[in-house]
Amino acid sequence: FFRGVKVLTSRGIQGQEFRVVFVSTVATSKGYRQDYERSPNFASDKKVLNTALTRAKSLVVVFGEPDCLTQSKIGDTWKQYIEACDVVGGTSLVGETMTSEFICQLI
């Protein structure tokens, strides 16, 4: 649907830059809080988080549950990031389905 879109893991984007980065921190299993604690991902590893958040030239969009992220192993880091986004007006809680039109407006 979108030309030039790449789907990569945080390890796959190391050393690269992109105009826009969409970061999904969404866990898919019923035990998502436990998943966050067990695996090296955005919620439990500062290096993985740093890699994901510093690859964009213009825009970073993070999909996730703030309550879960701020209660993870690196919850203080997530809290600081979310608060910094709030300060510049960059935090948006979207409860509706993300449409391609909405995403295009972000870009």
PDB file of N, CA and C in Angstrom:
ATOM      1  N   PHE A   1       0.822  -1.193   0.000  1.00  0.00           N
ATOM      2  CA  PHE A   1       0.000   0.000   0.000  1.00  0.00           C
ATOM      3  C   PHE A   1       0.867   1.258   0.000  1.00  0.00           C
ATOM      4  N   PHE A   2       1.850   1.309   0.876  1.00  0.00           N
ATOM      5  CA  PHE A   2       2.758   2.452   0.923  1.00  0.00           C
ATOM      6  C   PHE A   2       4.070   2.068   0.264  1.00  0.00           C
ATOM      7  N   ARG A   3       4.489   2.820  -0.754  1.00  0.00           N
ATOM      8  CA  ARG A   3       5.778   2.560  -1.394  1.00  0.00           C
ATOM      9  C   ARG A   3       6.905   2.921  -0.446  1.00  0.00           C
ATOM     10  N   GLY A   4       7.955   2.135  -0.480  1.00  0.00           N
ATOM     11  CA  GLY A   4       9.127   2.430   0.322  1.00  0.00           C
ATOM     12  C   GLY A   4       9.018   2.046   1.786  1.00  0.00           C
ATOM     13  N   VAL A   5       7.966   1.347   2.163  1.00  0.00           N
ATOM     14  CA  VAL A   5       7.793   0.943   3.552  1.00  0.00           C
ATOM     15  C   VAL A   5       8.590  -0.320   3.808  1.00  0.00           C
ATOM     16  N   LYS A   6       9.354  -0.316   4.892  1.00  0.00           N
ATOM     17  CA  LYS A   6      10.109  -1.493   5.314  1.00  0.00           C
ATOM     18  C   LYS A   6       9.632  -1.887   6.698  1.00  0.00           C
ATOM     19  N   VAL A   7       9.486  -3.186   6.908  1.00  0.00           N
ATOM     20  CA  VAL A   7       9.138  -3.692   8.222  1.00  0.00           C
ATOM     21  C   VAL A   7      10.367  -4.417   8.748  1.00  0.00           C
ATOM     22  N   LEU A   8      10.930  -3.868   9.827  1.00  0.00           N
ATOM     23  CA  LEU A   8      12.176  -4.397  10.378  1.00  0.00           C
ATOM     24  C   LEU A   8      12.086  -4.483  11.892  1.00  0.00           C
ATOM     25  N   THR A   9      12.937  -5.317  12.464  1.00  0.00           N
ATOM     26  CA  THR A   9      13.060  -5.344  13.920  1.00  0.00           C
ATOM     27  C   THR A   9      14.000  -4.227  14.341  1.00  0.00           C
ATOM     28  N   SER A  10      14.035  -3.934  15.616  1.00  0.00           N
ATOM     29  CA  SER A  10      14.936  -2.882  16.097  1.00  0.00           C
ATOM     30  C   SER A  10      16.388  -3.251  15.804  1.00  0.00           C
ATOM     31  N   ARG A  11      16.705  -4.510  15.811  1.00  0.00           N
ATOM     32  CA  ARG A  11      18.063  -4.929  15.485  1.00  0.00           C
ATOM     33  C   ARG A  11      18.356  -4.766  13.992  1.00  0.00           C
ATOM     34  N   GLY A  12      17.315  -4.859  13.171  1.00  0.00           N
ATOM     35  CA  GLY A  12      17.475  -4.720  11.729  1.00  0.00           C
ATOM     36  C   GLY A  12      17.671  -3.293  11.262  1.00  0.00           C
ATOM     37  N   ILE A  13      17.377  -2.326  12.116  1.00  0.00           N
ATOM     38  CA  ILE A  13      17.507  -0.927  11.701  1.00  0.00           C
ATOM     39  C   ILE A  13      18.762  -0.253  12.250  1.00  0.00           C
ATOM     40  N   GLN A  14      19.545  -0.980  12.992  1.00  0.00           N
ATOM     41  CA  GLN A  14      20.763  -0.393  13.554  1.00  0.00           C
ATOM     42  C   GLN A  14      21.640   0.162  12.441  1.00  0.00           C
ATOM     43  N   GLY A  15      22.129   1.376  12.654  1.00  0.00           N
ATOM     44  CA  GLY A  15      23.024   2.012  11.694  1.00  0.00           C
ATOM     45  C   GLY A  15      22.330   2.656  10.507  1.00  0.00           C
ATOM     46  N   GLN A  16      21.001   2.587  10.446  1.00  0.00           N
ATOM     47  CA  GLN A  16      20.254   3.171   9.335  1.00  0.00           C
ATOM     48  C   GLN A  16      19.422   4.349   9.839  1.00  0.00           C
ATOM     49  N   GLU A  17      19.017   5.209   8.914  1.00  0.00           N
ATOM     50  CA  GLU A  17      18.096   6.290   9.217  1.00  0.00           C
ATOM     51  C   GLU A  17      16.914   6.216   8.259  1.00  0.00           C
ATOM     52  N   PHE A  18      15.767   6.663   8.736  1.00  0.00           N
ATOM     53  CA  PHE A  18      14.547   6.664   7.944  1.00  0.00           C
ATOM     54  C   PHE A  18      13.850   7.996   8.152  1.00  0.00           C
ATOM     55  N   ARG A  19      13.079   8.409   7.182  1.00  0.00           N
ATOM     56  CA  ARG A  19      12.331   9.660   7.314  1.00  0.00           C
ATOM     57  C   ARG A  19      11.335   9.553   8.468  1.00  0.00           C
ATOM     58  N   VAL A  20      10.611   8.448   8.522  1.00  0.00           N
ATOM     59  CA  VAL A  20       9.599   8.209   9.547  1.00  0.00           C
ATOM     60  C   VAL A  20       9.799   6.795  10.103  1.00  0.00           C
ATOM     61  N   VAL A  21       9.627   6.658  11.405  1.00  0.00           N
ATOM     62  CA  VAL A  21       9.699   5.340  12.031  1.00  0.00           C
ATOM     63  C   VAL A  21       8.424   5.125  12.843  1.00  0.00           C
ATOM     64  N   PHE A  22       7.761   4.006  12.588  1.00  0.00           N
ATOM     65  CA  PHE A  22       6.618   3.572  13.387  1.00  0.00           C
ATOM     66  C   PHE A  22       7.118   2.466  14.299  1.00  0.00           C
ATOM     67  N   VAL A  23       6.919   2.634  15.590  1.00  0.00           N
ATOM     68  CA  VAL A  23       7.384   1.659  16.568  1.00  0.00           C
ATOM     69  C   VAL A  23       6.164   1.011  17.217  1.00  0.00           C
ATOM     70  N   SER A  24       6.071  -0.307  17.086  1.00  0.00           N
ATOM     71  CA  SER A  24       4.983  -1.027  17.738  1.00  0.00           C
ATOM     72  C   SER A  24       5.519  -1.699  18.988  1.00  0.00           C
ATOM     73  N   THR A  25       4.962  -1.315  20.130  1.00  0.00           N
ATOM     74  CA  THR A  25       5.324  -1.956  21.389  1.00  0.00           C
ATOM     75  C   THR A  25       4.194  -2.869  21.841  1.00  0.00           C
ATOM     76  N   VAL A  26       3.273  -3.116  20.947  1.00  0.00           N
ATOM     77  CA  VAL A  26       2.069  -3.859  21.273  1.00  0.00           C
ATOM     78  C   VAL A  26       2.374  -5.350  21.338  1.00  0.00           C
ATOM     79  N   ALA A  27       2.059  -5.955  22.467  1.00  0.00           N
ATOM     80  CA  ALA A  27       2.207  -7.399  22.621  1.00  0.00           C
ATOM     81  C   ALA A  27       0.919  -8.061  22.159  1.00  0.00           C
ATOM     82  N   THR A  28       1.029  -9.278  21.663  1.00  0.00           N
ATOM     83  CA  THR A  28      -0.151  -9.908  21.077  1.00  0.00           C
ATOM     84  C   THR A  28      -0.746 -11.033  21.910  1.00  0.00           C
ATOM     85  N   SER A  29      -0.063 -11.473  22.931  1.00  0.00           N
ATOM     86  CA  SER A  29      -0.618 -12.574  23.719  1.00  0.00           C
ATOM     87  C   SER A  29      -1.420 -12.038  24.897  1.00  0.00           C
ATOM     88  N   LYS A  30      -2.200 -12.929  25.507  1.00  0.00           N
ATOM     89  CA  LYS A  30      -3.023 -12.523  26.643  1.00  0.00           C
ATOM     90  C   LYS A  30      -2.168 -12.104  27.831  1.00  0.00           C
ATOM     91  N   GLY A  31      -1.001 -12.671  27.958  1.00  0.00           N
ATOM     92  CA  GLY A  31      -0.131 -12.342  29.078  1.00  0.00           C
ATOM     93  C   GLY A  31       0.883 -11.287  28.707  1.00  0.00           C
ATOM     94  N   TYR A  32       0.429 -10.184  28.112  1.00  0.00           N
ATOM     95  CA  TYR A  32       1.354  -9.188  27.579  1.00  0.00           C
ATOM     96  C   TYR A  32       2.258  -8.580  28.631  1.00  0.00           C
ATOM     97  N   ARG A  33       1.788  -8.382  29.824  1.00  0.00           N
ATOM     98  CA  ARG A  33       2.672  -7.808  30.849  1.00  0.00           C
ATOM     99  C   ARG A  33       3.842  -8.750  31.133  1.00  0.00           C
ATOM    100  N   GLN A  34       3.570 -10.039  31.174  1.00  0.00           N
ATOM    101  CA  GLN A  34       4.635 -11.007  31.395  1.00  0.00           C
ATOM    102  C   GLN A  34       5.569 -11.060  30.189  1.00  0.00           C
ATOM    103  N   ASP A  35       5.021 -10.927  28.980  1.00  0.00           N
ATOM    104  CA  ASP A  35       5.851 -10.915  27.772  1.00  0.00           C
ATOM    105  C   ASP A  35       6.841  -9.771  27.822  1.00  0.00           C
ATOM    106  N   TYR A  36       6.385  -8.588  28.268  1.00  0.00           N
ATOM    107  CA  TYR A  36       7.264  -7.431  28.357  1.00  0.00           C
ATOM    108  C   TYR A  36       8.437  -7.715  29.288  1.00  0.00           C
ATOM    109  N   GLU A  37       8.177  -8.415  30.361  1.00  0.00           N
ATOM    110  CA  GLU A  37       9.228  -8.661  31.342  1.00  0.00           C
ATOM    111  C   GLU A  37      10.199  -9.753  30.901  1.00  0.00           C
ATOM    112  N   ARG A  38       9.742 -10.702  30.100  1.00  0.00           N
ATOM    113  CA  ARG A  38      10.576 -11.845  29.713  1.00  0.00           C
ATOM    114  C   ARG A  38      11.483 -11.591  28.525  1.00  0.00           C
ATOM    115  N   SER A  39      11.048 -10.793  27.576  1.00  0.00           N
ATOM    116  CA  SER A  39      11.799 -10.682  26.328  1.00  0.00           C
ATOM    117  C   SER A  39      12.541  -9.356  26.227  1.00  0.00           C
ATOM    118  N   PRO A  40      13.674  -9.358  25.506  1.00  0.00           N
ATOM    119  CA  PRO A  40      14.401  -8.104  25.303  1.00  0.00           C
ATOM    120  C   PRO A  40      13.699  -7.272  24.235  1.00  0.00           C
ATOM    121  N   ASN A  41      12.886  -6.335  24.666  1.00  0.00           N
ATOM    122  CA  ASN A  41      12.125  -5.537  23.716  1.00  0.00           C
ATOM    123  C   ASN A  41      12.094  -4.088  24.180  1.00  0.00           C
ATOM    124  N   PHE A  42      11.228  -3.311  23.588  1.00  0.00           N
ATOM    125  CA  PHE A  42      11.143  -1.886  23.878  1.00  0.00           C
ATOM    126  C   PHE A  42      10.774  -1.599  25.324  1.00  0.00           C
ATOM    127  N   ALA A  43      10.133  -2.536  25.973  1.00  0.00           N
ATOM    128  CA  ALA A  43       9.680  -2.287  27.337  1.00  0.00           C
ATOM    129  C   ALA A  43      10.693  -2.709  28.379  1.00  0.00           C
ATOM    130  N   SER A  44      11.685  -3.488  27.987  1.00  0.00           N
ATOM    131  CA  SER A  44      12.598  -3.997  29.002  1.00  0.00           C
ATOM    132  C   SER A  44      14.073  -3.760  28.709  1.00  0.00           C
ATOM    133  N   ASP A  45      14.407  -3.212  27.555  1.00  0.00           N
ATOM    134  CA  ASP A  45      15.812  -3.051  27.190  1.00  0.00           C
ATOM    135  C   ASP A  45      16.052  -1.634  26.664  1.00  0.00           C
ATOM    136  N   LYS A  46      16.817  -0.837  27.409  1.00  0.00           N
ATOM    137  CA  LYS A  46      17.063   0.552  27.019  1.00  0.00           C
ATOM    138  C   LYS A  46      17.805   0.662  25.693  1.00  0.00           C
ATOM    139  N   LYS A  47      18.678  -0.283  25.403  1.00  0.00           N
ATOM    140  CA  LYS A  47      19.433  -0.224  24.145  1.00  0.00           C
ATOM    141  C   LYS A  47      18.506  -0.442  22.949  1.00  0.00           C
ATOM    142  N   VAL A  48      17.581  -1.371  23.086  1.00  0.00           N
ATOM    143  CA  VAL A  48      16.616  -1.625  22.011  1.00  0.00           C
ATOM    144  C   VAL A  48      15.724  -0.396  21.821  1.00  0.00           C
ATOM    145  N   LEU A  49      15.279   0.179  22.920  1.00  0.00           N
ATOM    146  CA  LEU A  49      14.446   1.377  22.851  1.00  0.00           C
ATOM    147  C   LEU A  49      15.204   2.530  22.206  1.00  0.00           C
ATOM    148  N   ASN A  50      16.427   2.745  22.608  1.00  0.00           N
ATOM    149  CA  ASN A  50      17.242   3.816  22.036  1.00  0.00           C
ATOM    150  C   ASN A  50      17.403   3.643  20.532  1.00  0.00           C
ATOM    151  N   THR A  51      17.685   2.430  20.097  1.00  0.00           N
ATOM    152  CA  THR A  51      17.835   2.167  18.669  1.00  0.00           C
ATOM    153  C   THR A  51      16.557   2.531  17.916  1.00  0.00           C
ATOM    154  N   ALA A  52      15.425   2.113  18.439  1.00  0.00           N
ATOM    155  CA  ALA A  52      14.153   2.357  17.752  1.00  0.00           C
ATOM    156  C   ALA A  52      13.807   3.846  17.688  1.00  0.00           C
ATOM    157  N   LEU A  53      14.047   4.565  18.767  1.00  0.00           N
ATOM    158  CA  LEU A  53      13.606   5.957  18.838  1.00  0.00           C
ATOM    159  C   LEU A  53      14.555   6.941  18.179  1.00  0.00           C
ATOM    160  N   THR A  54      15.754   6.499  17.823  1.00  0.00           N
ATOM    161  CA  THR A  54      16.730   7.439  17.248  1.00  0.00           C
ATOM    162  C   THR A  54      17.004   7.206  15.767  1.00  0.00           C
ATOM    163  N   ARG A  55      16.200   6.431  15.099  1.00  0.00           N
ATOM    164  CA  ARG A  55      16.418   6.139  13.678  1.00  0.00           C
ATOM    165  C   ARG A  55      15.675   7.082  12.754  1.00  0.00           C
ATOM    166  N   ALA A  56      14.718   7.850  13.263  1.00  0.00           N
ATOM    167  CA  ALA A  56      13.893   8.707  12.397  1.00  0.00           C
ATOM    168  C   ALA A  56      14.525  10.077  12.209  1.00  0.00           C
ATOM    169  N   LYS A  57      14.453  10.584  10.979  1.00  0.00           N
ATOM    170  CA  LYS A  57      14.913  11.939  10.687  1.00  0.00           C
ATOM    171  C   LYS A  57      13.845  12.967  11.042  1.00  0.00           C
ATOM    172  N   SER A  58      12.567  12.607  10.847  1.00  0.00           N
ATOM    173  CA  SER A  58      11.495  13.590  10.998  1.00  0.00           C
ATOM    174  C   SER A  58      10.431  13.229  12.026  1.00  0.00           C
ATOM    175  N   LEU A  59      10.049  11.959  12.103  1.00  0.00           N
ATOM    176  CA  LEU A  59       8.880  11.609  12.903  1.00  0.00           C
ATOM    177  C   LEU A  59       9.012  10.204  13.468  1.00  0.00           C
ATOM    178  N   VAL A  60       8.686  10.066  14.739  1.00  0.00           N
ATOM    179  CA  VAL A  60       8.585   8.757  15.384  1.00  0.00           C
ATOM    180  C   VAL A  60       7.157   8.617  15.879  1.00  0.00           C
ATOM    181  N   VAL A  61       6.505   7.523  15.510  1.00  0.00           N
ATOM    182  CA  VAL A  61       5.163   7.228  15.986  1.00  0.00           C
ATOM    183  C   VAL A  61       5.261   5.939  16.793  1.00  0.00           C
ATOM    184  N   VAL A  62       4.865   6.002  18.058  1.00  0.00           N
ATOM    185  CA  VAL A  62       4.936   4.832  18.938  1.00  0.00           C
ATOM    186  C   VAL A  62       3.520   4.361  19.226  1.00  0.00           C
ATOM    187  N   PHE A  63       3.286   3.080  18.970  1.00  0.00           N
ATOM    188  CA  PHE A  63       2.012   2.447  19.296  1.00  0.00           C
ATOM    189  C   PHE A  63       2.233   1.609  20.545  1.00  0.00           C
ATOM    190  N   GLY A  64       1.427   1.814  21.563  1.00  0.00           N
ATOM    191  CA  GLY A  64       1.589   1.028  22.774  1.00  0.00           C
ATOM    192  C   GLY A  64       0.665   1.494  23.873  1.00  0.00           C
ATOM    193  N   GLU A  65       0.671   0.765  24.945  1.00  0.00           N
ATOM    194  CA  GLU A  65      -0.146   1.051  26.114  1.00  0.00           C
ATOM    195  C   GLU A  65       0.728   1.743  27.158  1.00  0.00           C
ATOM    196  N   PRO A  66       0.556   3.049  27.355  1.00  0.00           N
ATOM    197  CA  PRO A  66       1.424   3.780  28.282  1.00  0.00           C
ATOM    198  C   PRO A  66       1.501   3.166  29.680  1.00  0.00           C
ATOM    199  N   ASP A  67       0.381   2.669  30.195  1.00  0.00           N
ATOM    200  CA  ASP A  67       0.396   2.077  31.529  1.00  0.00           C
ATOM    201  C   ASP A  67       1.315   0.863  31.601  1.00  0.00           C
ATOM    202  N   CYS A  68       1.272   0.029  30.577  1.00  0.00           N
ATOM    203  CA  CYS A  68       2.151  -1.147  30.554  1.00  0.00           C
ATOM    204  C   CYS A  68       3.609  -0.729  30.407  1.00  0.00           C
ATOM    205  N   LEU A  69       3.867   0.213  29.517  1.00  0.00           N
ATOM    206  CA  LEU A  69       5.247   0.637  29.277  1.00  0.00           C
ATOM    207  C   LEU A  69       5.858   1.264  30.521  1.00  0.00           C
ATOM    208  N   THR A  70       5.095   2.097  31.217  1.00  0.00           N
ATOM    209  CA  THR A  70       5.646   2.771  32.391  1.00  0.00           C
ATOM    210  C   THR A  70       5.759   1.853  33.600  1.00  0.00           C
ATOM    211  N   GLN A  71       5.187   0.661  33.524  1.00  0.00           N
ATOM    212  CA  GLN A  71       5.316  -0.307  34.608  1.00  0.00           C
ATOM    213  C   GLN A  71       6.330  -1.397  34.285  1.00  0.00           C
ATOM    214  N   SER A  72       7.006  -1.275  33.157  1.00  0.00           N
ATOM    215  CA  SER A  72       7.983  -2.285  32.745  1.00  0.00           C
ATOM    216  C   SER A  72       9.309  -2.079  33.462  1.00  0.00           C
ATOM    217  N   LYS A  73      10.291  -2.898  33.138  1.00  0.00           N
ATOM    218  CA  LYS A  73      11.627  -2.803  33.748  1.00  0.00           C
ATOM    219  C   LYS A  73      12.255  -1.435  33.540  1.00  0.00           C
ATOM    220  N   ILE A  74      11.992  -0.821  32.402  1.00  0.00           N
ATOM    221  CA  ILE A  74      12.545   0.508  32.121  1.00  0.00           C
ATOM    222  C   ILE A  74      11.419   1.549  32.091  1.00  0.00           C
ATOM    223  N   GLY A  75      10.458   1.353  32.964  1.00  0.00           N
ATOM    224  CA  GLY A  75       9.290   2.234  33.032  1.00  0.00           C
ATOM    225  C   GLY A  75       9.632   3.692  33.254  1.00  0.00           C
ATOM    226  N   ASP A  76      10.683   3.961  34.041  1.00  0.00           N
ATOM    227  CA  ASP A  76      11.078   5.357  34.273  1.00  0.00           C
ATOM    228  C   ASP A  76      11.511   6.031  32.972  1.00  0.00           C
ATOM    229  N   THR A  77      12.200   5.276  32.130  1.00  0.00           N
ATOM    230  CA  THR A  77      12.634   5.819  30.834  1.00  0.00           C
ATOM    231  C   THR A  77      11.424   6.114  29.959  1.00  0.00           C
ATOM    232  N   TRP A  78      10.480   5.165  29.900  1.00  0.00           N
ATOM    233  CA  TRP A  78       9.267   5.389  29.126  1.00  0.00           C
ATOM    234  C   TRP A  78       8.498   6.584  29.661  1.00  0.00           C
ATOM    235  N   LYS A  79       8.410   6.720  30.977  1.00  0.00           N
ATOM    236  CA  LYS A  79       7.686   7.840  31.568  1.00  0.00           C
ATOM    237  C   LYS A  79       8.322   9.167  31.157  1.00  0.00           C
ATOM    238  N   GLN A  80       9.633   9.241  31.201  1.00  0.00           N
ATOM    239  CA  GLN A  80      10.331  10.455  30.785  1.00  0.00           C
ATOM    240  C   GLN A  80      10.084  10.757  29.315  1.00  0.00           C
ATOM    241  N   TYR A  81      10.100   9.724  28.475  1.00  0.00           N
ATOM    242  CA  TYR A  81       9.864   9.916  27.043  1.00  0.00           C
ATOM    243  C   TYR A  81       8.447  10.433  26.789  1.00  0.00           C
ATOM    244  N   ILE A  82       7.472   9.818  27.432  1.00  0.00           N
ATOM    245  CA  ILE A  82       6.074  10.226  27.248  1.00  0.00           C
ATOM    246  C   ILE A  82       5.879  11.659  27.744  1.00  0.00           C
ATOM    247  N   GLU A  83       6.470  11.987  28.887  1.00  0.00           N
ATOM    248  CA  GLU A  83       6.360  13.353  29.411  1.00  0.00           C
ATOM    249  C   GLU A  83       7.023  14.362  28.470  1.00  0.00           C
ATOM    250  N   ALA A  84       8.168  13.999  27.900  1.00  0.00           N
ATOM    251  CA  ALA A  84       8.844  14.899  26.954  1.00  0.00           C
ATOM    252  C   ALA A  84       7.975  15.118  25.717  1.00  0.00           C
ATOM    253  N   CYS A  85       7.317  14.081  25.261  1.00  0.00           N
ATOM    254  CA  CYS A  85       6.403  14.225  24.115  1.00  0.00           C
ATOM    255  C   CYS A  85       5.223  15.123  24.480  1.00  0.00           C
ATOM    256  N   ASP A  86       4.712  14.982  25.700  1.00  0.00           N
ATOM    257  CA  ASP A  86       3.605  15.835  26.159  1.00  0.00           C
ATOM    258  C   ASP A  86       3.992  17.305  26.116  1.00  0.00           C
ATOM    259  N   VAL A  87       5.212  17.605  26.532  1.00  0.00           N
ATOM    260  CA  VAL A  87       5.682  18.987  26.604  1.00  0.00           C
ATOM    261  C   VAL A  87       5.638  19.658  25.236  1.00  0.00           C
ATOM    262  N   VAL A  88       6.006  18.925  24.187  1.00  0.00           N
ATOM    263  CA  VAL A  88       6.027  19.511  22.841  1.00  0.00           C
ATOM    264  C   VAL A  88       4.733  19.253  22.077  1.00  0.00           C
ATOM    265  N   GLY A  89       3.732  18.717  22.761  1.00  0.00           N
ATOM    266  CA  GLY A  89       2.438  18.467  22.128  1.00  0.00           C
ATOM    267  C   GLY A  89       2.447  17.272  21.204  1.00  0.00           C
ATOM    268  N   GLY A  90       3.323  16.325  21.481  1.00  0.00           N
ATOM    269  CA  GLY A  90       3.464  15.182  20.582  1.00  0.00           C
ATOM    270  C   GLY A  90       2.780  13.911  21.022  1.00  0.00           C
ATOM    271  N   THR A  91       2.082  13.936  22.142  1.00  0.00           N
ATOM    272  CA  THR A  91       1.423  12.724  22.617  1.00  0.00           C
ATOM    273  C   THR A  91      -0.034  12.754  22.209  1.00  0.00           C
ATOM    274  N   SER A  92      -0.479  11.647  21.664  1.00  0.00           N
ATOM    275  CA  SER A  92      -1.871  11.541  21.263  1.00  0.00           C
ATOM    276  C   SER A  92      -2.370  10.152  21.612  1.00  0.00           C
ATOM    277  N   LEU A  93      -3.445  10.087  22.325  1.00  0.00           N
ATOM    278  CA  LEU A  93      -4.046   8.802  22.649  1.00  0.00           C
ATOM    279  C   LEU A  93      -5.179   8.570  21.666  1.00  0.00           C
ATOM    280  N   VAL A  94      -5.005   7.592  20.810  1.00  0.00           N
ATOM    281  CA  VAL A  94      -5.978   7.321  19.754  1.00  0.00           C
ATOM    282  C   VAL A  94      -6.717   6.046  20.093  1.00  0.00           C
ATOM    283  N   GLY A  95      -8.004   6.139  20.290  1.00  0.00           N
ATOM    284  CA  GLY A  95      -8.801   4.975  20.629  1.00  0.00           C
ATOM    285  C   GLY A  95      -9.513   4.380  19.435  1.00  0.00           C
ATOM    286  N   GLU A  96      -9.352   4.992  18.288  1.00  0.00           N
ATOM    287  CA  GLU A  96     -10.042   4.490  17.103  1.00  0.00           C
ATOM    288  C   GLU A  96      -9.062   3.747  16.202  1.00  0.00           C
ATOM    289  N   THR A  97      -9.586   3.073  15.222  1.00  0.00           N
ATOM    290  CA  THR A  97      -8.747   2.331  14.287  1.00  0.00           C
ATOM    291  C   THR A  97      -7.914   3.295  13.453  1.00  0.00           C
ATOM    292  N   MET A  98      -6.639   2.976  13.311  1.00  0.00           N
ATOM    293  CA  MET A  98      -5.753   3.811  12.499  1.00  0.00           C
ATOM    294  C   MET A  98      -6.034   3.525  11.026  1.00  0.00           C
ATOM    295  N   THR A  99      -6.489   4.517  10.309  1.00  0.00           N
ATOM    296  CA  THR A  99      -6.758   4.358   8.888  1.00  0.00           C
ATOM    297  C   THR A  99      -5.552   4.840   8.097  1.00  0.00           C
ATOM    298  N   SER A 100      -5.468   4.450   6.845  1.00  0.00           N
ATOM    299  CA  SER A 100      -4.362   4.906   5.998  1.00  0.00           C
ATOM    300  C   SER A 100      -4.415   6.424   5.834  1.00  0.00           C
ATOM    301  N   GLU A 101      -5.617   7.003   5.835  1.00  0.00           N
ATOM    302  CA  GLU A 101      -5.749   8.455   5.722  1.00  0.00           C
ATOM    303  C   GLU A 101      -5.149   9.142   6.951  1.00  0.00           C
ATOM    304  N   PHE A 102      -5.413   8.587   8.132  1.00  0.00           N
ATOM    305  CA  PHE A 102      -4.884   9.156   9.370  1.00  0.00           C
ATOM    306  C   PHE A 102      -3.358   9.076   9.368  1.00  0.00           C
ATOM    307  N   ILE A 103      -2.808   7.955   8.965  1.00  0.00           N
ATOM    308  CA  ILE A 103      -1.350   7.778   8.921  1.00  0.00           C
ATOM    309  C   ILE A 103      -0.735   8.761   7.935  1.00  0.00           C
ATOM    310  N   CYS A 104      -1.354   8.942   6.767  1.00  0.00           N
ATOM    311  CA  CYS A 104      -0.833   9.895   5.778  1.00  0.00           C
ATOM    312  C   CYS A 104      -0.814  11.313   6.331  1.00  0.00           C
ATOM    313  N   GLN A 105      -1.776  11.673   7.170  1.00  0.00           N
ATOM    314  CA  GLN A 105      -1.786  12.997   7.787  1.00  0.00           C
ATOM    315  C   GLN A 105      -0.585  13.178   8.718  1.00  0.00           C
ATOM    316  N   LEU A 106      -0.173  12.090   9.379  1.00  0.00           N
ATOM    317  CA  LEU A 106       0.977  12.157  10.281  1.00  0.00           C
ATOM    318  C   LEU A 106       2.269  12.417   9.523  1.00  0.00           C
ATOM    319  N   ILE A 107       2.339  11.837   8.338  1.00  0.00           N
ATOM    320  CA  ILE A 107       3.557  11.949   7.525  1.00  0.00           C
ATOM    321  C   ILE A 107       3.514  13.257   6.804  1.00  0.00           C
TER     322      ILE A 107
END
